[in-house]
Structures are given as C-alpha cells and as structure tokens.
Amino acid sequence: MSEERVVLCGASAYEKKYYFNQLFEKLPDSIKDELHIICVLFTEEVGGVFTMVFDEEGGLLLETDAEEDDIYYDEISSGLLVKEIQRTRQEMFESITLFYRAFILKEDIEGLIDGEDDSNS
C-alpha cells in the first residue's frame, strides 16, 4: 500500500526557507500569502520544521518536527500552536481542501459539496 502525500507548503527554522508547492499556484494570492505567514511565523515562534500536507484521503494535516538535538524547539508550544492555527483558520483550510480534492485529485465537486458534512464528522 503506497502512501500518497502531497505537501502544500512548509517552512524550516534551520534553513530559514519557505516552500510552496506549485501544484497549488492557482490558489488566490491572498491565500498563498496567508499560508506563507502561518508557516514562517510558526517556525519563528517554536522552531523546527512546519509543513502542511495532504494525506492519501485528501485531508489536510499540519505537521511539525525538529532535529533530535534541537534544544530550542518547544514541543508543547508547537502542539498548542498547531491547535490554535487549526481552530482560527478552519474555514480557509476547508476551502483549500476542497480545492485540492476538486482540482488536483479531480474528484466530483458536487459530491464533495453534498458530502461535506459527512467528511467532517
């Protein structure tokens, strides 16, 4: 069973770099800017590497990791910040997920909208 994961974007405190997957270039600039800000501010605040990744089922995951010897990485703060980002940006993430499933995975858009409540429960 192969695991198909697609990175949306991410940032690294170690390399001081931001990555945005060009598969998503048709997203509005305001959304791309918001994703950039979220990723960079996350790594500035807690360190490590932060990525937004779509899993094989089309769900958006926020992942954070750090090098083993990184004494500055705050695992507790990273978990709290991920939850806060998920809560405050929920609507934007739902829209990005719909975009991904419709335009990248080529799923039926009507089925996605009709079944939207089912996937969130």
N, C-alpha and C. Protein backbone atom coordinates (compact mmCIF):
# COMPACT_ATOMS: atom_id res chain seq x y z
N MET A 1 0.85 -1.19 0.00
CA MET A 1 0.00 0.00 0.00
C MET A 1 0.89 1.24 0.00
N SER A 2 0.84 2.01 -1.07
CA SER A 2 1.68 3.21 -1.15
C SER A 2 0.94 4.39 -0.53
N GLU A 3 1.67 5.19 0.18
CA GLU A 3 1.09 6.34 0.85
C GLU A 3 1.33 7.57 -0.01
N GLU A 4 0.26 8.11 -0.57
CA GLU A 4 0.34 9.30 -1.40
C GLU A 4 0.10 10.54 -0.55
N ARG A 5 1.16 11.27 -0.30
CA ARG A 5 1.05 12.51 0.46
C ARG A 5 1.56 13.64 -0.43
N VAL A 6 0.86 14.75 -0.37
CA VAL A 6 1.24 15.90 -1.18
C VAL A 6 1.45 17.08 -0.25
N VAL A 7 2.66 17.64 -0.29
CA VAL A 7 2.98 18.80 0.54
C VAL A 7 2.37 20.04 -0.10
N LEU A 8 1.63 20.80 0.69
CA LEU A 8 1.08 22.08 0.25
C LEU A 8 2.15 23.16 0.42
N CYS A 9 2.69 23.25 1.63
CA CYS A 9 3.72 24.26 1.90
C CYS A 9 4.42 23.90 3.20
N GLY A 10 5.51 24.59 3.46
CA GLY A 10 6.23 24.35 4.69
C GLY A 10 7.34 25.35 4.89
N ALA A 11 7.87 25.36 6.10
CA ALA A 11 8.98 26.26 6.43
C ALA A 11 9.92 25.55 7.39
N SER A 12 11.17 25.95 7.33
CA SER A 12 12.20 25.38 8.20
C SER A 12 12.92 26.50 8.94
N ALA A 13 12.96 26.36 10.26
CA ALA A 13 13.72 27.32 11.07
C ALA A 13 15.21 27.12 10.87
N TYR A 14 15.62 25.91 10.50
CA TYR A 14 17.03 25.60 10.33
C TYR A 14 17.60 26.24 9.07
N GLU A 15 16.87 26.12 7.98
CA GLU A 15 17.35 26.66 6.71
C GLU A 15 16.83 28.06 6.42
N LYS A 16 15.90 28.54 7.25
CA LYS A 16 15.27 29.85 7.05
C LYS A 16 14.67 29.94 5.65
N LYS A 17 13.94 28.86 5.28
CA LYS A 17 13.34 28.80 3.95
C LYS A 17 11.88 28.44 4.04
N TYR A 18 11.14 28.90 3.03
CA TYR A 18 9.72 28.59 2.88
C TYR A 18 9.55 27.87 1.55
N TYR A 19 8.70 26.84 1.54
CA TYR A 19 8.42 26.09 0.31
C TYR A 19 6.92 26.14 0.03
N PHE A 20 6.58 26.38 -1.23
CA PHE A 20 5.18 26.33 -1.66
C PHE A 20 5.11 25.45 -2.90
N ASN A 21 4.24 24.45 -2.88
CA ASN A 21 4.09 23.51 -3.98
C ASN A 21 3.36 24.19 -5.14
N GLN A 22 3.98 24.22 -6.30
CA GLN A 22 3.41 24.91 -7.47
C GLN A 22 2.16 24.23 -8.02
N LEU A 23 1.83 23.03 -7.55
CA LEU A 23 0.54 22.42 -7.91
C LEU A 23 -0.62 23.32 -7.48
N PHE A 24 -0.37 24.15 -6.47
CA PHE A 24 -1.40 25.00 -5.89
C PHE A 24 -1.28 26.45 -6.34
N GLU A 25 -0.58 26.71 -7.42
CA GLU A 25 -0.34 28.08 -7.87
C GLU A 25 -1.63 28.83 -8.22
N LYS A 26 -2.72 28.10 -8.50
CA LYS A 26 -3.99 28.76 -8.86
C LYS A 26 -4.79 29.21 -7.65
N LEU A 27 -4.31 28.91 -6.45
CA LEU A 27 -4.96 29.46 -5.26
C LEU A 27 -4.84 30.97 -5.31
N PRO A 28 -5.81 31.68 -4.75
CA PRO A 28 -5.71 33.15 -4.71
C PRO A 28 -4.44 33.61 -3.98
N ASP A 29 -3.88 34.72 -4.44
CA ASP A 29 -2.66 35.25 -3.82
C ASP A 29 -2.84 35.50 -2.33
N SER A 30 -4.03 35.94 -1.93
CA SER A 30 -4.26 36.21 -0.50
C SER A 30 -4.13 34.93 0.33
N ILE A 31 -4.58 33.80 -0.21
CA ILE A 31 -4.45 32.52 0.49
C ILE A 31 -2.98 32.10 0.53
N LYS A 32 -2.29 32.25 -0.61
CA LYS A 32 -0.87 31.89 -0.64
C LYS A 32 -0.07 32.74 0.35
N ASP A 33 -0.40 34.02 0.43
CA ASP A 33 0.28 34.90 1.39
C ASP A 33 0.00 34.47 2.82
N GLU A 34 -1.24 34.11 3.10
CA GLU A 34 -1.62 33.67 4.45
C GLU A 34 -0.88 32.39 4.83
N LEU A 35 -0.78 31.45 3.91
CA LEU A 35 -0.05 30.21 4.16
C LEU A 35 1.42 30.51 4.46
N HIS A 36 2.00 31.41 3.69
CA HIS A 36 3.40 31.81 3.89
C HIS A 36 3.58 32.38 5.30
N ILE A 37 2.70 33.27 5.69
CA ILE A 37 2.78 33.90 7.01
C ILE A 37 2.65 32.87 8.12
N ILE A 38 1.67 31.97 7.99
CA ILE A 38 1.45 30.94 9.01
C ILE A 38 2.71 30.09 9.19
N CYS A 39 3.26 29.61 8.08
CA CYS A 39 4.43 28.72 8.15
C CYS A 39 5.65 29.41 8.76
N VAL A 40 5.93 30.60 8.29
CA VAL A 40 7.13 31.31 8.76
C VAL A 40 6.98 31.73 10.22
N LEU A 41 5.82 32.26 10.59
CA LEU A 41 5.63 32.66 11.99
C LEU A 41 5.68 31.46 12.93
N PHE A 42 5.17 30.31 12.46
CA PHE A 42 5.22 29.11 13.29
C PHE A 42 6.67 28.75 13.60
N THR A 43 7.50 28.68 12.57
CA THR A 43 8.89 28.28 12.80
C THR A 43 9.67 29.34 13.57
N GLU A 44 9.29 30.61 13.42
CA GLU A 44 9.95 31.66 14.20
C GLU A 44 9.60 31.54 15.68
N GLU A 45 8.36 31.13 15.95
CA GLU A 45 7.91 31.06 17.34
C GLU A 45 8.39 29.81 18.07
N VAL A 46 8.30 28.63 17.42
CA VAL A 46 8.64 27.40 18.13
C VAL A 46 9.82 26.66 17.54
N GLY A 47 10.30 27.08 16.37
CA GLY A 47 11.44 26.42 15.76
C GLY A 47 11.05 25.20 14.96
N GLY A 48 12.05 24.42 14.57
CA GLY A 48 11.81 23.18 13.85
C GLY A 48 11.37 23.38 12.41
N VAL A 49 10.62 22.38 11.94
CA VAL A 49 10.09 22.38 10.58
C VAL A 49 8.58 22.24 10.68
N PHE A 50 7.88 23.03 9.91
CA PHE A 50 6.42 23.01 9.90
C PHE A 50 5.96 22.77 8.47
N THR A 51 5.07 21.80 8.27
CA THR A 51 4.55 21.52 6.93
C THR A 51 3.04 21.32 6.98
N MET A 52 2.41 21.68 5.86
CA MET A 52 1.00 21.38 5.64
C MET A 52 0.98 20.35 4.52
N VAL A 53 0.39 19.18 4.82
CA VAL A 53 0.45 18.04 3.93
C VAL A 53 -0.94 17.44 3.76
N PHE A 54 -1.26 17.07 2.52
CA PHE A 54 -2.49 16.34 2.26
C PHE A 54 -2.20 14.86 2.37
N ASP A 55 -3.03 14.13 3.13
CA ASP A 55 -2.86 12.68 3.24
C ASP A 55 -3.49 12.00 2.03
N GLU A 56 -3.41 10.69 1.98
CA GLU A 56 -3.89 9.93 0.83
C GLU A 56 -5.40 10.02 0.65
N GLU A 57 -6.13 10.45 1.68
CA GLU A 57 -7.59 10.59 1.58
C GLU A 57 -8.02 12.02 1.28
N GLY A 58 -7.07 12.93 1.12
CA GLY A 58 -7.39 14.32 0.81
C GLY A 58 -7.55 15.21 2.02
N GLY A 59 -7.22 14.72 3.20
CA GLY A 59 -7.30 15.54 4.40
C GLY A 59 -6.02 16.35 4.59
N LEU A 60 -6.17 17.56 5.10
CA LEU A 60 -5.03 18.44 5.33
C LEU A 60 -4.49 18.26 6.74
N LEU A 61 -3.21 17.94 6.83
CA LEU A 61 -2.55 17.75 8.12
C LEU A 61 -1.53 18.85 8.35
N LEU A 62 -1.44 19.31 9.58
CA LEU A 62 -0.40 20.26 9.97
C LEU A 62 0.61 19.48 10.79
N GLU A 63 1.85 19.46 10.29
CA GLU A 63 2.87 18.63 10.93
C GLU A 63 4.06 19.49 11.35
N THR A 64 4.63 19.14 12.47
CA THR A 64 5.81 19.83 12.96
C THR A 64 6.82 18.79 13.46
N ASP A 65 8.08 19.12 13.24
CA ASP A 65 9.14 18.20 13.60
C ASP A 65 10.39 19.01 13.92
N ALA A 66 11.31 18.38 14.61
CA ALA A 66 12.56 19.06 14.94
C ALA A 66 13.70 18.06 14.92
N GLU A 67 14.89 18.59 14.73
CA GLU A 67 16.08 17.75 14.82
C GLU A 67 16.23 17.28 16.26
N GLU A 68 16.74 16.10 16.41
CA GLU A 68 16.83 15.47 17.73
C GLU A 68 17.60 16.31 18.75
N ASP A 69 18.65 16.98 18.30
CA ASP A 69 19.48 17.76 19.23
C ASP A 69 19.10 19.24 19.32
N ASP A 70 17.90 19.59 18.84
CA ASP A 70 17.44 20.98 18.86
C ASP A 70 16.88 21.32 20.24
N ILE A 71 17.70 21.98 21.06
CA ILE A 71 17.27 22.32 22.42
C ILE A 71 16.32 23.52 22.46
N TYR A 72 16.20 24.24 21.35
CA TYR A 72 15.33 25.41 21.30
C TYR A 72 13.91 25.08 20.88
N TYR A 73 13.71 23.91 20.28
CA TYR A 73 12.38 23.51 19.82
C TYR A 73 11.48 23.24 21.01
N ASP A 74 10.31 23.83 21.00
CA ASP A 74 9.37 23.71 22.11
C ASP A 74 8.20 22.83 21.66
N GLU A 75 8.24 21.56 22.03
CA GLU A 75 7.22 20.59 21.59
C GLU A 75 5.84 20.93 22.13
N ILE A 76 5.75 21.38 23.36
CA ILE A 76 4.45 21.72 23.95
C ILE A 76 3.85 22.92 23.24
N SER A 77 4.65 23.96 23.05
CA SER A 77 4.15 25.14 22.35
C SER A 77 3.76 24.82 20.91
N SER A 78 4.52 23.92 20.28
CA SER A 78 4.20 23.59 18.89
C SER A 78 2.84 22.92 18.80
N GLY A 79 2.55 22.01 19.72
CA GLY A 79 1.24 21.35 19.74
C GLY A 79 0.11 22.33 19.97
N LEU A 80 0.32 23.24 20.90
CA LEU A 80 -0.71 24.25 21.18
C LEU A 80 -0.91 25.19 20.00
N LEU A 81 0.18 25.57 19.36
CA LEU A 81 0.08 26.48 18.22
C LEU A 81 -0.60 25.80 17.03
N VAL A 82 -0.32 24.52 16.80
CA VAL A 82 -1.00 23.78 15.72
C VAL A 82 -2.50 23.80 15.97
N LYS A 83 -2.93 23.52 17.19
CA LYS A 83 -4.36 23.52 17.52
C LYS A 83 -4.98 24.90 17.33
N GLU A 84 -4.26 25.93 17.71
CA GLU A 84 -4.77 27.29 17.53
C GLU A 84 -4.92 27.64 16.05
N ILE A 85 -3.93 27.27 15.25
CA ILE A 85 -3.99 27.53 13.81
C ILE A 85 -5.16 26.77 13.20
N GLN A 86 -5.34 25.51 13.58
CA GLN A 86 -6.45 24.72 13.05
C GLN A 86 -7.79 25.37 13.39
N ARG A 87 -7.90 25.87 14.60
CA ARG A 87 -9.15 26.47 15.05
C ARG A 87 -9.42 27.80 14.35
N THR A 88 -8.42 28.66 14.28
CA THR A 88 -8.64 30.00 13.73
C THR A 88 -8.66 30.04 12.21
N ARG A 89 -8.08 29.04 11.56
CA ARG A 89 -8.04 29.03 10.09
C ARG A 89 -8.87 27.90 9.50
N GLN A 90 -9.80 27.36 10.27
CA GLN A 90 -10.58 26.20 9.86
C GLN A 90 -11.28 26.43 8.51
N GLU A 91 -11.91 27.56 8.35
CA GLU A 91 -12.64 27.83 7.11
C GLU A 91 -11.69 27.88 5.90
N MET A 92 -10.55 28.52 6.07
CA MET A 92 -9.58 28.59 4.98
C MET A 92 -9.07 27.19 4.63
N PHE A 93 -8.77 26.37 5.65
CA PHE A 93 -8.29 25.02 5.40
C PHE A 93 -9.34 24.16 4.71
N GLU A 94 -10.61 24.34 5.07
CA GLU A 94 -11.68 23.61 4.39
C GLU A 94 -11.75 23.99 2.92
N SER A 95 -11.58 25.27 2.62
CA SER A 95 -11.60 25.74 1.23
C SER A 95 -10.42 25.18 0.44
N ILE A 96 -9.24 25.18 1.05
CA ILE A 96 -8.05 24.64 0.39
C ILE A 96 -8.21 23.14 0.15
N THR A 97 -8.78 22.44 1.11
CA THR A 97 -9.02 21.01 0.96
C THR A 97 -9.99 20.74 -0.18
N LEU A 98 -11.04 21.53 -0.29
CA LEU A 98 -11.99 21.39 -1.39
C LEU A 98 -11.30 21.65 -2.72
N PHE A 99 -10.47 22.68 -2.78
CA PHE A 99 -9.69 22.99 -3.98
C PHE A 99 -8.82 21.79 -4.36
N TYR A 100 -8.12 21.24 -3.39
CA TYR A 100 -7.22 20.10 -3.63
C TYR A 100 -7.98 18.91 -4.18
N ARG A 101 -9.08 18.58 -3.53
CA ARG A 101 -9.83 17.40 -3.94
C ARG A 101 -10.49 17.60 -5.30
N ALA A 102 -10.91 18.82 -5.61
CA ALA A 102 -11.58 19.08 -6.89
C ALA A 102 -10.60 19.26 -8.04
N PHE A 103 -9.54 20.04 -7.84
CA PHE A 103 -8.66 20.40 -8.95
C PHE A 103 -7.40 19.55 -9.06
N ILE A 104 -6.93 18.99 -7.98
CA ILE A 104 -5.73 18.16 -8.02
C ILE A 104 -6.11 16.68 -8.13
N LEU A 105 -7.02 16.24 -7.26
CA LEU A 105 -7.45 14.84 -7.29
C LEU A 105 -8.55 14.58 -8.32
N LYS A 106 -9.13 15.67 -8.84
CA LYS A 106 -10.19 15.58 -9.87
C LYS A 106 -11.41 14.81 -9.38
N GLU A 107 -11.77 15.00 -8.11
CA GLU A 107 -12.98 14.39 -7.57
C GLU A 107 -14.20 15.20 -8.02
N ASP A 108 -15.36 14.57 -8.00
CA ASP A 108 -16.61 15.23 -8.39
C ASP A 108 -16.94 16.33 -7.39
N ILE A 109 -17.01 17.56 -7.86
CA ILE A 109 -17.22 18.72 -6.99
C ILE A 109 -18.59 18.68 -6.32
N GLU A 110 -19.62 18.23 -7.04
CA GLU A 110 -20.96 18.16 -6.45
C GLU A 110 -20.98 17.15 -5.32
N GLY A 111 -20.33 16.02 -5.52
CA GLY A 111 -20.26 15.01 -4.47
C GLY A 111 -19.52 15.51 -3.25
N LEU A 112 -18.50 16.33 -3.48
CA LEU A 112 -17.73 16.88 -2.36
C LEU A 112 -18.58 17.85 -1.55
N ILE A 113 -19.31 18.72 -2.24
CA ILE A 113 -20.12 19.72 -1.55
C ILE A 113 -21.29 19.05 -0.83
N ASP A 114 -21.95 18.09 -1.50
CA ASP A 114 -23.07 17.39 -0.88
C ASP A 114 -22.62 16.57 0.31
N GLY A 115 -21.47 15.94 0.22
CA GLY A 115 -20.97 15.07 1.28
C GLY A 115 -20.09 15.77 2.27
N GLU A 116 -20.02 17.11 2.22
CA GLU A 116 -19.10 17.87 3.04
C GLU A 116 -19.32 17.61 4.54
N ASP A 117 -20.58 17.57 4.96
CA ASP A 117 -20.86 17.37 6.39
C ASP A 117 -20.47 15.96 6.83
N ASP A 118 -20.56 14.97 5.94
CA ASP A 118 -20.20 13.60 6.28
C ASP A 118 -18.72 13.47 6.58
N SER A 119 -17.87 14.17 5.81
CA SER A 119 -16.43 14.03 5.97
C SER A 119 -15.92 14.74 7.22
N ASN A 120 -16.69 15.67 7.76
CA ASN A 120 -16.25 16.41 8.92
C ASN A 120 -16.68 15.78 10.23
N SER A 121 -17.48 14.73 10.18
CA SER A 121 -17.94 14.14 11.44
C SER A 121 -17.09 13.00 11.90
